PDB file of all heavy atoms in Angstrom:
ATOM      1  N   ARG A   1       9.293   5.853 -21.636  1.00  0.00           N
ATOM      2  CA  ARG A   1      10.090   5.679 -22.890  1.00  0.00           C
ATOM      3  C   ARG A   1      11.339   4.951 -22.634  1.00  0.00           C
ATOM      4  O   ARG A   1      11.789   4.157 -23.455  1.00  0.00           O
ATOM      5  CB  ARG A   1      10.331   7.029 -23.445  1.00  0.00           C
ATOM      6  CG  ARG A   1      11.212   7.105 -24.693  1.00  0.00           C
ATOM      7  CD  ARG A   1      10.380   6.537 -25.907  1.00  0.00           C
ATOM      8  NE  ARG A   1      11.180   6.469 -27.097  1.00  0.00           N
ATOM      9  CZ  ARG A   1      10.934   7.190 -28.245  1.00  0.00           C
ATOM     10  NH1 ARG A   1       9.882   8.011 -28.276  1.00  0.00           N
ATOM     11  NH2 ARG A   1      11.736   7.108 -29.316  1.00  0.00           N
ATOM     12  N   ALA A   2      11.841   5.104 -21.344  1.00  0.00           N
ATOM     13  CA  ALA A   2      13.071   4.422 -20.980  1.00  0.00           C
ATOM     14  C   ALA A   2      12.777   3.049 -20.614  1.00  0.00           C
ATOM     15  O   ALA A   2      13.258   2.543 -19.425  1.00  0.00           O
ATOM     16  CB  ALA A   2      13.799   5.220 -19.906  1.00  0.00           C
ATOM     17  N   GLY A   3      12.134   2.282 -21.385  1.00  0.00           N
ATOM     18  CA  GLY A   3      11.563   0.929 -20.975  1.00  0.00           C
ATOM     19  C   GLY A   3      12.601  -0.115 -20.648  1.00  0.00           C
ATOM     20  O   GLY A   3      12.396  -1.020 -19.853  1.00  0.00           O
ATOM     21  N   LYS A   4      13.763  -0.074 -21.416  1.00  0.00           N
ATOM     22  CA  LYS A   4      14.895  -1.074 -21.239  1.00  0.00           C
ATOM     23  C   LYS A   4      15.855  -0.588 -19.913  1.00  0.00           C
ATOM     24  O   LYS A   4      16.667  -1.576 -19.604  1.00  0.00           O
ATOM     25  CB  LYS A   4      15.740  -1.124 -22.432  1.00  0.00           C
ATOM     26  CG  LYS A   4      14.937  -1.480 -23.507  1.00  0.00           C
ATOM     27  CD  LYS A   4      15.834  -1.501 -24.924  1.00  0.00           C
ATOM     28  CE  LYS A   4      14.991  -1.939 -26.113  1.00  0.00           C
ATOM     29  NZ  LYS A   4      16.039  -1.912 -27.306  1.00  0.00           N
ATOM     30  N   ALA A   5      15.595   0.537 -19.361  1.00  0.00           N
ATOM     31  CA  ALA A   5      16.531   1.024 -18.332  1.00  0.00           C
ATOM     32  C   ALA A   5      16.030   0.706 -17.004  1.00  0.00           C
ATOM     33  O   ALA A   5      14.856   0.508 -16.725  1.00  0.00           O
ATOM     34  CB  ALA A   5      16.736   2.531 -18.390  1.00  0.00           C
ATOM     35  N   HIS A   6      16.878   0.669 -15.978  1.00  0.00           N
ATOM     36  CA  HIS A   6      16.564   0.719 -14.525  1.00  0.00           C
ATOM     37  C   HIS A   6      16.134   2.200 -14.308  1.00  0.00           C
ATOM     38  O   HIS A   6      16.819   3.014 -14.681  1.00  0.00           O
ATOM     39  CB  HIS A   6      17.698   0.344 -13.712  1.00  0.00           C
ATOM     40  CG  HIS A   6      17.514   0.383 -12.202  1.00  0.00           C
ATOM     41  ND1 HIS A   6      16.848  -0.582 -11.503  1.00  0.00           N
ATOM     42  CD2 HIS A   6      17.732   1.420 -11.162  1.00  0.00           C
ATOM     43  CE1 HIS A   6      16.747  -0.307 -10.308  1.00  0.00           C
ATOM     44  NE2 HIS A   6      17.252   0.854 -10.166  1.00  0.00           N
ATOM     45  N   THR A   7      14.975   2.381 -13.670  1.00  0.00           N
ATOM     46  CA  THR A   7      14.475   3.641 -13.376  1.00  0.00           C
ATOM     47  C   THR A   7      14.431   4.009 -11.990  1.00  0.00           C
ATOM     48  O   THR A   7      14.069   3.136 -11.160  1.00  0.00           O
ATOM     49  CB  THR A   7      13.044   3.783 -14.054  1.00  0.00           C
ATOM     50  OG1 THR A   7      12.176   2.797 -13.481  1.00  0.00           O
ATOM     51  CG2 THR A   7      13.119   3.601 -15.570  1.00  0.00           C
ATOM     52  N   ALA A   8      14.743   5.135 -11.537  1.00  0.00           N
ATOM     53  CA  ALA A   8      14.714   5.625 -10.155  1.00  0.00           C
ATOM     54  C   ALA A   8      14.261   7.028 -10.045  1.00  0.00           C
ATOM     55  O   ALA A   8      14.695   7.900 -10.809  1.00  0.00           O
ATOM     56  CB  ALA A   8      16.031   5.482  -9.535  1.00  0.00           C
ATOM     57  N   GLU A   9      13.282   7.170  -9.018  1.00  0.00           N
ATOM     58  CA  GLU A   9      12.805   8.599  -8.767  1.00  0.00           C
ATOM     59  C   GLU A   9      13.527   8.997  -7.492  1.00  0.00           C
ATOM     60  O   GLU A   9      13.454   8.440  -6.392  1.00  0.00           O
ATOM     61  CB  GLU A   9      11.319   8.627  -8.551  1.00  0.00           C
ATOM     62  CG  GLU A   9      10.805   9.939  -8.149  1.00  0.00           C
ATOM     63  CD  GLU A   9       9.348   9.934  -8.075  1.00  0.00           C
ATOM     64  OE1 GLU A   9       8.684   9.516  -7.180  1.00  0.00           O
ATOM     65  OE2 GLU A   9       8.656  10.454  -9.175  1.00  0.00           O
ATOM     66  N   LEU A  10      14.228  10.281  -7.604  1.00  0.00           N
ATOM     67  CA  LEU A  10      14.835  10.820  -6.386  1.00  0.00           C
ATOM     68  C   LEU A  10      14.216  12.111  -6.251  1.00  0.00           C
ATOM     69  O   LEU A  10      14.352  13.130  -6.961  1.00  0.00           O
ATOM     70  CB  LEU A  10      16.361  11.125  -6.616  1.00  0.00           C
ATOM     71  CG  LEU A  10      17.135   9.881  -7.291  1.00  0.00           C
ATOM     72  CD1 LEU A  10      18.617  10.279  -7.469  1.00  0.00           C
ATOM     73  CD2 LEU A  10      17.066   8.591  -6.422  1.00  0.00           C
ATOM     74  N   ASN A  11      13.382  12.173  -5.213  1.00  0.00           N
ATOM     75  CA  ASN A  11      12.499  13.293  -5.021  1.00  0.00           C
ATOM     76  C   ASN A  11      12.230  13.690  -3.579  1.00  0.00           C
ATOM     77  O   ASN A  11      12.435  12.802  -2.627  1.00  0.00           O
ATOM     78  CB  ASN A  11      11.177  13.024  -5.762  1.00  0.00           C
ATOM     79  CG  ASN A  11      10.606  14.072  -6.555  1.00  0.00           C
ATOM     80  OD1 ASN A  11      11.096  15.210  -6.596  1.00  0.00           O
ATOM     81  ND2 ASN A  11       9.398  13.949  -7.302  1.00  0.00           N
ATOM     82  N   LEU A  12      11.686  14.955  -3.244  1.00  0.00           N
ATOM     83  CA  LEU A  12      11.267  15.124  -1.869  1.00  0.00           C
ATOM     84  C   LEU A  12      10.224  14.307  -1.565  1.00  0.00           C
ATOM     85  O   LEU A  12      10.115  13.903  -0.270  1.00  0.00           O
ATOM     86  CB  LEU A  12      11.035  16.610  -1.797  1.00  0.00           C
ATOM     87  CG  LEU A  12      10.750  17.323  -0.399  1.00  0.00           C
ATOM     88  CD1 LEU A  12      12.019  17.115   0.400  1.00  0.00           C
ATOM     89  CD2 LEU A  12      10.315  18.760  -0.485  1.00  0.00           C
ATOM     90  N   GLU A  13       9.352  13.989  -2.316  1.00  0.00           N
ATOM     91  CA  GLU A  13       8.089  13.125  -2.059  1.00  0.00           C
ATOM     92  C   GLU A  13       7.736  12.634  -3.351  1.00  0.00           C
ATOM     93  O   GLU A  13       8.142  12.940  -4.384  1.00  0.00           O
ATOM     94  CB  GLU A  13       6.976  14.157  -1.437  1.00  0.00           C
ATOM     95  CG  GLU A  13       6.576  15.209  -2.311  1.00  0.00           C
ATOM     96  CD  GLU A  13       5.612  16.082  -1.743  1.00  0.00           C
ATOM     97  OE1 GLU A  13       5.460  16.036  -0.416  1.00  0.00           O
ATOM     98  OE2 GLU A  13       4.959  16.948  -2.461  1.00  0.00           O
ATOM     99  N   PRO A  14       6.778  11.502  -3.159  1.00  0.00           N
ATOM    100  CA  PRO A  14       6.450  10.749  -4.489  1.00  0.00           C
ATOM    101  C   PRO A  14       5.761  11.723  -5.457  1.00  0.00           C
ATOM    102  O   PRO A  14       4.992  12.541  -5.114  1.00  0.00           O
ATOM    103  CB  PRO A  14       5.425   9.806  -3.908  1.00  0.00           C
ATOM    104  CG  PRO A  14       5.878   9.477  -2.590  1.00  0.00           C
ATOM    105  CD  PRO A  14       6.296  10.843  -2.041  1.00  0.00           C
ATOM    106  N   SER A  15       6.166  11.543  -6.682  1.00  0.00           N
ATOM    107  CA  SER A  15       5.486  12.384  -7.796  1.00  0.00           C
ATOM    108  C   SER A  15       4.191  11.656  -8.217  1.00  0.00           C
ATOM    109  O   SER A  15       3.933  10.624  -7.750  1.00  0.00           O
ATOM    110  CB  SER A  15       6.510  12.503  -8.892  1.00  0.00           C
ATOM    111  OG  SER A  15       6.496  11.256  -9.695  1.00  0.00           O
ATOM    112  N   GLU A  16       3.564  12.336  -9.075  1.00  0.00           N
ATOM    113  CA  GLU A  16       2.268  11.707  -9.653  1.00  0.00           C
ATOM    114  C   GLU A  16       2.629  10.432 -10.453  1.00  0.00           C
ATOM    115  O   GLU A  16       1.664   9.553 -10.509  1.00  0.00           O
ATOM    116  CB  GLU A  16       1.523  12.783 -10.525  1.00  0.00           C
ATOM    117  CG  GLU A  16       0.959  13.891  -9.720  1.00  0.00           C
ATOM    118  CD  GLU A  16       0.041  14.762 -10.571  1.00  0.00           C
ATOM    119  OE1 GLU A  16      -0.439  14.269 -11.619  1.00  0.00           O
ATOM    120  OE2 GLU A  16      -0.334  15.708 -10.119  1.00  0.00           O
ATOM    121  N   GLY A  17       3.880  10.338 -10.918  1.00  0.00           N
ATOM    122  CA  GLY A  17       4.155   9.110 -11.647  1.00  0.00           C
ATOM    123  C   GLY A  17       5.094   8.174 -10.905  1.00  0.00           C
ATOM    124  O   GLY A  17       5.753   7.372 -11.516  1.00  0.00           O
ATOM    125  N   ALA A  18       5.067   8.250  -9.588  1.00  0.00           N
ATOM    126  CA  ALA A  18       6.001   7.484  -8.776  1.00  0.00           C
ATOM    127  C   ALA A  18       5.899   5.965  -9.021  1.00  0.00           C
ATOM    128  O   ALA A  18       6.934   5.228  -8.941  1.00  0.00           O
ATOM    129  CB  ALA A  18       5.752   7.794  -7.236  1.00  0.00           C
ATOM    130  N   THR A  19       4.693   5.441  -9.287  1.00  0.00           N
ATOM    131  CA  THR A  19       4.408   4.058  -9.417  1.00  0.00           C
ATOM    132  C   THR A  19       5.074   3.398 -10.731  1.00  0.00           C
ATOM    133  O   THR A  19       5.209   2.249 -10.799  1.00  0.00           O
ATOM    134  CB  THR A  19       3.003   3.638  -9.457  1.00  0.00           C
ATOM    135  OG1 THR A  19       2.393   4.418 -10.459  1.00  0.00           O
ATOM    136  CG2 THR A  19       2.395   4.044  -7.983  1.00  0.00           C
ATOM    137  N   PHE A  20       5.551   4.262 -11.618  1.00  0.00           N
ATOM    138  CA  PHE A  20       6.124   3.794 -12.810  1.00  0.00           C
ATOM    139  C   PHE A  20       7.684   3.484 -12.577  1.00  0.00           C
ATOM    140  O   PHE A  20       8.242   2.903 -13.553  1.00  0.00           O
ATOM    141  CB  PHE A  20       6.072   4.927 -13.919  1.00  0.00           C
ATOM    142  CG  PHE A  20       4.582   5.098 -14.414  1.00  0.00           C
ATOM    143  CD1 PHE A  20       3.911   6.299 -14.028  1.00  0.00           C
ATOM    144  CD2 PHE A  20       3.945   4.124 -15.076  1.00  0.00           C
ATOM    145  CE1 PHE A  20       2.586   6.477 -14.488  1.00  0.00           C
ATOM    146  CE2 PHE A  20       2.561   4.392 -15.452  1.00  0.00           C
ATOM    147  CZ  PHE A  20       1.914   5.534 -15.157  1.00  0.00           C
ATOM    148  N   PHE A  21       8.287   3.926 -11.432  1.00  0.00           N
ATOM    149  CA  PHE A  21       9.636   3.790 -11.284  1.00  0.00           C
ATOM    150  C   PHE A  21       9.875   2.378 -10.502  1.00  0.00           C
ATOM    151  O   PHE A  21       9.163   2.038  -9.688  1.00  0.00           O
ATOM    152  CB  PHE A  21      10.237   4.853 -10.470  1.00  0.00           C
ATOM    153  CG  PHE A  21      10.238   6.226 -11.306  1.00  0.00           C
ATOM    154  CD1 PHE A  21       9.233   6.918 -11.323  1.00  0.00           C
ATOM    155  CD2 PHE A  21      11.418   6.560 -11.968  1.00  0.00           C
ATOM    156  CE1 PHE A  21       9.173   8.229 -12.105  1.00  0.00           C
ATOM    157  CE2 PHE A  21      11.386   7.740 -12.688  1.00  0.00           C
ATOM    158  CZ  PHE A  21      10.229   8.640 -12.830  1.00  0.00           C
ATOM    159  N   VAL A  22      11.002   1.883 -10.861  1.00  0.00           N
ATOM    160  CA  VAL A  22      11.569   0.617 -10.280  1.00  0.00           C
ATOM    161  C   VAL A  22      11.895   0.851  -8.833  1.00  0.00           C
ATOM    162  O   VAL A  22      11.762   0.053  -7.884  1.00  0.00           O
ATOM    163  CB  VAL A  22      12.529  -0.065 -11.137  1.00  0.00           C
ATOM    164  CG1 VAL A  22      13.090  -1.310 -10.324  1.00  0.00           C
ATOM    165  CG2 VAL A  22      12.081  -0.577 -12.380  1.00  0.00           C
ATOM    166  N   GLU A  23      12.636   1.998  -8.716  1.00  0.00           N
ATOM    167  CA  GLU A  23      13.194   2.292  -7.398  1.00  0.00           C
ATOM    168  C   GLU A  23      12.937   3.806  -7.082  1.00  0.00           C
ATOM    169  O   GLU A  23      12.652   4.544  -7.933  1.00  0.00           O
ATOM    170  CB  GLU A  23      14.834   2.155  -7.542  1.00  0.00           C
ATOM    171  CG  GLU A  23      15.580   2.339  -6.312  1.00  0.00           C
ATOM    172  CD  GLU A  23      17.009   2.284  -6.524  1.00  0.00           C
ATOM    173  OE1 GLU A  23      17.425   2.161  -7.594  1.00  0.00           O
ATOM    174  OE2 GLU A  23      17.769   2.389  -5.573  1.00  0.00           O
ATOM    175  N   SER A  24      12.833   3.929  -5.794  1.00  0.00           N
ATOM    176  CA  SER A  24      12.511   5.406  -5.247  1.00  0.00           C
ATOM    177  C   SER A  24      13.339   5.764  -4.008  1.00  0.00           C
ATOM    178  O   SER A  24      13.647   4.919  -3.157  1.00  0.00           O
ATOM    179  CB  SER A  24      11.079   5.657  -5.010  1.00  0.00           C
ATOM    180  OG  SER A  24      10.647   4.718  -4.080  1.00  0.00           O
ATOM    181  N   CYS A  25      13.774   6.993  -3.921  1.00  0.00           N
ATOM    182  CA  CYS A  25      14.503   7.554  -2.733  1.00  0.00           C
ATOM    183  C   CYS A  25      14.036   8.891  -2.496  1.00  0.00           C
ATOM    184  O   CYS A  25      14.007   9.819  -3.405  1.00  0.00           O
ATOM    185  CB  CYS A  25      15.959   7.617  -3.026  1.00  0.00           C
ATOM    186  SG  CYS A  25      16.731   6.099  -3.460  1.00  0.00           S
ATOM    187  N   TYR A  26      13.435   9.178  -1.277  1.00  0.00           N
ATOM    188  CA  TYR A  26      12.761  10.402  -1.063  1.00  0.00           C
ATOM    189  C   TYR A  26      13.544  11.166   0.084  1.00  0.00           C
ATOM    190  O   TYR A  26      13.923  10.592   1.143  1.00  0.00           O
ATOM    191  CB  TYR A  26      11.347  10.185  -0.574  1.00  0.00           C
ATOM    192  CG  TYR A  26      10.615   9.525  -1.814  1.00  0.00           C
ATOM    193  CD1 TYR A  26       9.936   8.367  -1.645  1.00  0.00           C
ATOM    194  CD2 TYR A  26      10.525  10.166  -2.893  1.00  0.00           C
ATOM    195  CE1 TYR A  26       9.237   7.691  -2.672  1.00  0.00           C
ATOM    196  CE2 TYR A  26       9.835   9.599  -4.084  1.00  0.00           C
ATOM    197  CZ  TYR A  26       9.204   8.390  -3.917  1.00  0.00           C
ATOM    198  OH  TYR A  26       8.506   7.765  -4.945  1.00  0.00           O
ATOM    199  N   GLY A  27      13.734  12.520  -0.085  1.00  0.00           N
ATOM    200  CA  GLY A  27      14.160  13.327   0.773  1.00  0.00           C
ATOM    201  C   GLY A  27      14.936  14.591   0.054  1.00  0.00           C
ATOM    202  O   GLY A  27      14.650  14.744  -1.104  1.00  0.00           O
ATOM    203  N   PRO A  28      15.551  15.448   0.804  1.00  0.00           N
ATOM    204  CA  PRO A  28      16.068  16.582   0.108  1.00  0.00           C
ATOM    205  C   PRO A  28      17.096  16.191  -1.068  1.00  0.00           C
ATOM    206  O   PRO A  28      17.849  15.303  -0.813  1.00  0.00           O
ATOM    207  CB  PRO A  28      16.850  17.359   1.218  1.00  0.00           C
ATOM    208  CG  PRO A  28      16.177  16.855   2.554  1.00  0.00           C
ATOM    209  CD  PRO A  28      15.757  15.453   2.118  1.00  0.00           C
ATOM    210  N   ALA A  29      17.122  16.947  -2.143  1.00  0.00           N
ATOM    211  CA  ALA A  29      17.936  16.524  -3.283  1.00  0.00           C
ATOM    212  C   ALA A  29      19.411  16.537  -2.826  1.00  0.00           C
ATOM    213  O   ALA A  29      20.172  15.544  -3.285  1.00  0.00           O
ATOM    214  CB  ALA A  29      17.767  17.448  -4.356  1.00  0.00           C
ATOM    215  N   THR A  30      19.812  17.423  -1.990  1.00  0.00           N
ATOM    216  CA  THR A  30      21.211  17.470  -1.557  1.00  0.00           C
ATOM    217  C   THR A  30      21.691  16.143  -0.930  1.00  0.00           C
ATOM    218  O   THR A  30      22.916  15.832  -1.056  1.00  0.00           O
ATOM    219  CB  THR A  30      21.558  18.641  -0.678  1.00  0.00           C
ATOM    220  OG1 THR A  30      20.514  18.759   0.313  1.00  0.00           O
ATOM    221  CG2 THR A  30      21.382  20.046  -1.447  1.00  0.00           C
ATOM    222  N   LYS A  31      20.736  15.480  -0.262  1.00  0.00           N
ATOM    223  CA  LYS A  31      21.072  14.255   0.400  1.00  0.00           C
ATOM    224  C   LYS A  31      20.863  13.048  -0.454  1.00  0.00           C
ATOM    225  O   LYS A  31      21.766  12.163  -0.674  1.00  0.00           O
ATOM    226  CB  LYS A  31      20.257  14.041   1.723  1.00  0.00           C
ATOM    227  CG  LYS A  31      20.621  15.170   2.664  1.00  0.00           C
ATOM    228  CD  LYS A  31      19.812  14.982   4.080  1.00  0.00           C
ATOM    229  CE  LYS A  31      20.233  15.967   5.091  1.00  0.00           C
ATOM    230  NZ  LYS A  31      19.341  15.692   6.363  1.00  0.00           N
ATOM    231  N   VAL A  32      19.627  12.897  -1.099  1.00  0.00           N
ATOM    232  CA  VAL A  32      19.412  11.526  -1.896  1.00  0.00           C
ATOM    233  C   VAL A  32      20.109  11.505  -3.075  1.00  0.00           C
ATOM    234  O   VAL A  32      20.611  10.459  -3.541  1.00  0.00           O
ATOM    235  CB  VAL A  32      17.907  11.419  -1.978  1.00  0.00           C
ATOM    236  CG1 VAL A  32      17.119  11.361  -0.700  1.00  0.00           C
ATOM    237  CG2 VAL A  32      17.279  12.577  -2.890  1.00  0.00           C
ATOM    238  N   VAL A  33      20.423  12.733  -3.765  1.00  0.00           N
ATOM    239  CA  VAL A  33      21.118  12.594  -5.077  1.00  0.00           C
ATOM    240  C   VAL A  33      22.556  12.326  -4.895  1.00  0.00           C
ATOM    241  O   VAL A  33      23.188  11.492  -5.525  1.00  0.00           O
ATOM    242  CB  VAL A  33      21.017  13.917  -5.829  1.00  0.00           C
ATOM    243  CG1 VAL A  33      21.852  13.895  -7.202  1.00  0.00           C
ATOM    244  CG2 VAL A  33      19.545  14.125  -6.226  1.00  0.00           C
ATOM    245  N   THR A  34      23.098  13.017  -3.835  1.00  0.00           N
ATOM    246  CA  THR A  34      24.576  12.703  -3.565  1.00  0.00           C
ATOM    247  C   THR A  34      24.772  11.324  -3.149  1.00  0.00           C
ATOM    248  O   THR A  34      25.703  10.690  -3.586  1.00  0.00           O
ATOM    249  CB  THR A  34      24.964  13.586  -2.340  1.00  0.00           C
ATOM    250  OG1 THR A  34      24.797  14.943  -2.655  1.00  0.00           O
ATOM    251  CG2 THR A  34      26.442  13.446  -1.960  1.00  0.00           C
ATOM    252  N   ALA A  35      23.883  10.768  -2.323  1.00  0.00           N
ATOM    253  CA  ALA A  35      24.011   9.331  -1.882  1.00  0.00           C
ATOM    254  C   ALA A  35      23.806   8.341  -3.055  1.00  0.00           C
ATOM    255  O   ALA A  35      24.654   7.316  -3.250  1.00  0.00           O
ATOM    256  CB  ALA A  35      23.080   8.969  -0.722  1.00  0.00           C
ATOM    257  N   TYR A  36      22.971   8.746  -3.992  1.00  0.00           N
ATOM    258  CA  TYR A  36      22.711   7.769  -5.035  1.00  0.00           C
ATOM    259  C   TYR A  36      23.851   7.788  -6.003  1.00  0.00           C
ATOM    260  O   TYR A  36      24.244   6.702  -6.443  1.00  0.00           O
ATOM    261  CB  TYR A  36      21.305   8.058  -5.744  1.00  0.00           C
ATOM    262  CG  TYR A  36      20.801   6.968  -6.630  1.00  0.00           C
ATOM    263  CD1 TYR A  36      19.946   6.081  -6.046  1.00  0.00           C
ATOM    264  CD2 TYR A  36      21.097   6.861  -7.986  1.00  0.00           C
ATOM    265  CE1 TYR A  36      19.405   4.988  -6.793  1.00  0.00           C
ATOM    266  CE2 TYR A  36      20.697   5.785  -8.724  1.00  0.00           C
ATOM    267  CZ  TYR A  36      19.790   4.877  -8.081  1.00  0.00           C
ATOM    268  OH  TYR A  36      19.223   3.863  -8.828  1.00  0.00           O
ATOM    269  N   VAL A  37      24.415   9.002  -6.236  1.00  0.00           N
ATOM    270  CA  VAL A  37      25.514   9.030  -7.183  1.00  0.00           C
ATOM    271  C   VAL A  37      26.776   8.352  -6.650  1.00  0.00           C
ATOM    272  O   VAL A  37      27.428   7.546  -7.354  1.00  0.00           O
ATOM    273  CB  VAL A  37      25.883  10.489  -7.439  1.00  0.00           C
ATOM    274  CG1 VAL A  37      27.283  10.550  -8.026  1.00  0.00           C
ATOM    275  CG2 VAL A  37      24.814  11.159  -8.273  1.00  0.00           C
ATOM    276  N   GLU A  38      26.952   8.411  -5.332  1.00  0.00           N
ATOM    277  CA  GLU A  38      28.141   7.682  -4.732  1.00  0.00           C
ATOM    278  C   GLU A  38      27.834   6.182  -4.871  1.00  0.00           C
ATOM    279  O   GLU A  38      28.750   5.419  -5.159  1.00  0.00           O
ATOM    280  CB  GLU A  38      28.317   7.993  -3.290  1.00  0.00           C
ATOM    281  CG  GLU A  38      28.727   9.517  -2.944  1.00  0.00           C
ATOM    282  CD  GLU A  38      30.060   9.732  -3.676  1.00  0.00           C
ATOM    283  OE1 GLU A  38      30.915   8.772  -3.795  1.00  0.00           O
ATOM    284  OE2 GLU A  38      30.324  10.831  -4.034  1.00  0.00           O
ATOM    285  N   LYS A  39      26.606   5.789  -4.743  1.00  0.00           N
ATOM    286  CA  LYS A  39      26.256   4.239  -4.921  1.00  0.00           C
ATOM    287  C   LYS A  39      26.475   3.843  -6.301  1.00  0.00           C
ATOM    288  O   LYS A  39      27.124   2.758  -6.619  1.00  0.00           O
ATOM    289  CB  LYS A  39      24.804   3.963  -4.461  1.00  0.00           C
ATOM    290  CG  LYS A  39      24.423   2.565  -4.658  1.00  0.00           C
ATOM    291  CD  LYS A  39      22.936   2.279  -4.298  1.00  0.00           C
ATOM    292  CE  LYS A  39      22.178   2.677  -5.640  1.00  0.00           C
ATOM    293  NZ  LYS A  39      20.755   2.105  -5.596  1.00  0.00           N
ATOM    294  N   VAL A  40      26.115   4.597  -7.197  1.00  0.00           N
ATOM    295  CA  VAL A  40      26.284   4.195  -8.712  1.00  0.00           C
ATOM    296  C   VAL A  40      27.724   4.191  -9.044  1.00  0.00           C
ATOM    297  O   VAL A  40      28.075   3.217  -9.667  1.00  0.00           O
ATOM    298  CB  VAL A  40      25.441   5.245  -9.563  1.00  0.00           C
ATOM    299  CG1 VAL A  40      25.824   5.001 -11.046  1.00  0.00           C
ATOM    300  CG2 VAL A  40      23.990   5.069  -9.410  1.00  0.00           C
TER     301      VAL A  40
END
């Protein structure tokens, strides 16, 4: 649905829909989410 947006999956491991995302970052949420927010 978010077709016009940049899409990123931040997950412990790839989800069943991982291929639909433009970007992916895998690891514990406390690490990958914190790092991604700082980047944004």
